C-alpha atoms as a PDB file:
ATOM      1  CA  MET A   1      13.301  12.720   0.097  1.00  0.00           C
ATOM      2  CA  GLU A   2      14.619   8.920   0.612  1.00  0.00           C
ATOM      3  CA  GLN A   3      12.086   6.596  -0.068  1.00  0.00           C
ATOM      4  CA  ILE A   4      10.274   4.407   2.797  1.00  0.00           C
ATOM      5  CA  THR A   5       9.442   0.790   1.606  1.00  0.00           C
ATOM      6  CA  ILE A   6       6.847  -1.349   3.394  1.00  0.00           C
ATOM      7  CA  LYS A   7       6.014  -4.949   2.548  1.00  0.00           C
ATOM      8  CA  GLY A   8       2.948  -7.330   4.705  1.00  0.00           C
ATOM      9  CA  LYS A   9       0.533  -9.672   3.123  1.00  0.00           C
ATOM     10  CA  ILE A  10      -3.273  -8.718   2.921  1.00  0.00           C
ATOM     11  CA  GLU A  11      -5.249 -12.488   3.491  1.00  0.00           C
ATOM     12  CA  PHE A  12      -9.158 -11.868   2.980  1.00  0.00           C
ATOM     13  CA  CYS A  13     -11.567 -13.208   5.862  1.00  0.00           C
ATOM     14  CA  ASP A  14     -14.554 -14.423   3.291  1.00  0.00           C
ATOM     15  CA  ASP A  15     -13.514 -17.955   1.975  1.00  0.00           C
ATOM     16  CA  LYS A  16     -14.577 -16.836  -1.047  1.00  0.00           C
ATOM     17  CA  HIS A  17     -12.190 -14.135  -1.704  1.00  0.00           C
ATOM     18  CA  LYS A  18      -9.275 -16.099  -0.329  1.00  0.00           C
ATOM     19  CA  GLU A  19      -7.878 -17.052  -3.964  1.00  0.00           C
ATOM     20  CA  PHE A  20      -6.839 -12.906  -3.845  1.00  0.00           C
ATOM     21  CA  ASP A  21      -4.387 -13.176  -0.617  1.00  0.00           C
ATOM     22  CA  ARG A  22      -1.155 -11.935  -1.725  1.00  0.00           C
ATOM     23  CA  GLU A  23       1.890 -10.066  -0.438  1.00  0.00           C
ATOM     24  CA  PHE A  24       2.438  -6.570  -1.541  1.00  0.00           C
ATOM     25  CA  THR A  25       5.565  -3.750  -1.221  1.00  0.00           C
ATOM     26  CA  ALA A  26       4.606  -0.028  -0.834  1.00  0.00           C
ATOM     27  CA  ILE A  27       6.563   2.641  -1.242  1.00  0.00           C
ATOM     28  CA  LEU A  28       6.509   6.061  -0.542  1.00  0.00           C
ATOM     29  CA  HIS A  29       8.447   8.388  -2.470  1.00  0.00           C
ATOM     30  CA  ASP A  30       9.024  11.591  -3.885  1.00  0.00           C
ATOM     31  CA  SER A  31       6.275  12.436  -6.591  1.00  0.00           C
ATOM     32  CA  ALA A  32       7.921  12.284 -10.056  1.00  0.00           C
ATOM     33  CA  ALA A  33       5.223  14.926 -11.878  1.00  0.00           C
ATOM     34  CA  PHE A  34       4.652  16.817  -9.231  1.00  0.00           C
ATOM     35  CA  ALA A  35       6.800  19.707  -7.253  1.00  0.00           C
ATOM     36  CA  TYR A  36       3.670  21.069  -5.128  1.00  0.00           C
ATOM     37  CA  GLY A  37       1.244  19.639  -2.283  1.00  0.00           C
ATOM     38  CA  ASN A  38       3.874  17.232  -0.186  1.00  0.00           C
ATOM     39  CA  GLN A  39       5.379  16.331  -3.180  1.00  0.00           C
ATOM     40  CA  THR A  40       4.781  12.298  -2.422  1.00  0.00           C
ATOM     41  CA  ALA A  41       3.428   9.395  -4.414  1.00  0.00           C
ATOM     42  CA  VAL A  42       2.527   5.918  -3.167  1.00  0.00           C
ATOM     43  CA  ASN A  43       3.334   2.966  -5.105  1.00  0.00           C
ATOM     44  CA  ILE A  44       1.670  -0.498  -3.843  1.00  0.00           C
ATOM     45  CA  LEU A  45       3.581  -3.599  -6.319  1.00  0.00           C
ATOM     46  CA  TRP A  46       1.478  -6.535  -5.831  1.00  0.00           C
ATOM     47  CA  GLY A  47       2.774 -10.749  -5.762  1.00  0.00           C
ATOM     48  CA  VAL A  48       1.013 -13.075  -7.307  1.00  0.00           C
ATOM     49  CA  MET A  49      -2.379 -13.892  -5.610  1.00  0.00           C
ATOM     50  CA  LYS A  50      -3.381 -17.456  -4.276  1.00  0.00           C
ATOM     51  CA  ASN A  51      -5.091 -17.987  -7.924  1.00  0.00           C
ATOM     52  CA  GLY A  52      -2.116 -17.166 -10.173  1.00  0.00           C
ATOM     53  CA  MET A  53      -2.656 -14.196 -11.088  1.00  0.00           C
ATOM     54  CA  LEU A  54      -0.511 -10.881 -10.583  1.00  0.00           C
ATOM     55  CA  PRO A  55      -2.504  -7.644 -10.291  1.00  0.00           C
ATOM     56  CA  GLU A  56      -1.093  -4.252 -11.746  1.00  0.00           C
ATOM     57  CA  PRO A  57       0.689  -1.899  -9.626  1.00  0.00           C
ATOM     58  CA  VAL A  58      -1.647   0.617  -7.756  1.00  0.00           C
ATOM     59  CA  TYR A  59      -0.058   4.402  -8.061  1.00  0.00           C
ATOM     60  CA  LEU A  60      -1.328   6.883  -5.646  1.00  0.00           C
ATOM     61  CA  ASP A  61      -0.853  10.693  -6.176  1.00  0.00           C
ATOM     62  CA  THR A  62      -0.725  11.587  -2.294  1.00  0.00           C
ATOM     63  CA  ARG A  63       0.586  15.285  -2.709  1.00  0.00           C
ATOM     64  CA  TYR A  64      -2.607  16.604  -0.948  1.00  0.00           C
ATOM     65  CA  ASP A  65      -3.065  13.917   1.653  1.00  0.00           C
ATOM     66  CA  ARG A  66      -2.105  15.870   5.141  1.00  0.00           C
ATOM     67  CA  THR A  67      -2.268  12.474   7.161  1.00  0.00           C
ATOM     68  CA  ILE A  68       0.745  10.388   4.850  1.00  0.00           C
ATOM     69  CA  LYS A  69       4.085  11.566   6.902  1.00  0.00           C
ATOM     70  CA  ARG A  70       7.292  11.059   6.020  1.00  0.00           C
ATOM     71  CA  ASN A  71       8.645   8.540   8.320  1.00  0.00           C
ATOM     72  CA  GLU A  72       8.659   4.564   8.758  1.00  0.00           C
ATOM     73  CA  PHE A  73       5.932   4.468  11.987  1.00  0.00           C
ATOM     74  CA  ASP A  74       3.545   6.844  10.103  1.00  0.00           C
ATOM     75  CA  PHE A  75       3.267   5.436   6.831  1.00  0.00           C
ATOM     76  CA  LYS A  76       2.798   1.579   8.200  1.00  0.00           C
ATOM     77  CA  LYS A  77      -0.474   3.305  10.147  1.00  0.00           C
ATOM     78  CA  TRP A  78      -1.291   5.072   6.849  1.00  0.00           C
ATOM     79  CA  VAL A  79      -1.547   2.122   4.916  1.00  0.00           C
ATOM     80  CA  GLN A  80      -3.392   0.232   7.318  1.00  0.00           C
ATOM     81  CA  LYS A  81      -5.930   3.217   7.024  1.00  0.00           C
ATOM     82  CA  TYR A  82      -5.792   2.729   3.152  1.00  0.00           C
ATOM     83  CA  PHE A  83      -5.772  -0.952   3.026  1.00  0.00           C
ATOM     84  CA  ALA A  84      -9.260  -0.493   5.430  1.00  0.00           C
ATOM     85  CA  GLU A  85     -11.055   2.063   3.525  1.00  0.00           C
ATOM     86  CA  ASN A  86     -10.272   0.443  -0.018  1.00  0.00           C
ATOM     87  CA  TYR A  87     -10.125  -3.115   0.551  1.00  0.00           C
ATOM     88  CA  GLY A  88     -13.103  -6.111   2.146  1.00  0.00           C
ATOM     89  CA  LYS A  89     -12.846  -7.499   5.073  1.00  0.00           C
ATOM     90  CA  HIS A  90      -8.607  -8.680   5.650  1.00  0.00           C
ATOM     91  CA  THR A  91      -6.071  -9.017   8.178  1.00  0.00           C
ATOM     92  CA  LEU A  92      -3.160  -6.976   6.907  1.00  0.00           C
ATOM     93  CA  THR A  93       0.440  -8.736   8.270  1.00  0.00           C
ATOM     94  CA  ILE A  94       3.088  -5.860   8.016  1.00  0.00           C
ATOM     95  CA  TYR A  95       6.848  -7.162   8.275  1.00  0.00           C
ATOM     96  CA  GLU A  96       9.346  -6.145  10.567  1.00  0.00           C
END
């Protein structure tokens, strides 16, 4: 599978969390460790936050996630849902 890369930024709505605003790169690719399930994994790489810190990358084992699809349109939807479910109230911008 050719990897799919999406870039964007997350901006938190609450003023006390604005220091954590940052850009990200989400990459859908074949899992290097597993050859079963849908054989996918997602990496989320972070840019420097407004407070100057650089968060650790996130590695997601998605091989049993039936909602993840191997095309850019559906991966964008998956990324939006992932952020909505795992981060506080925010605005997510995905770059074209």
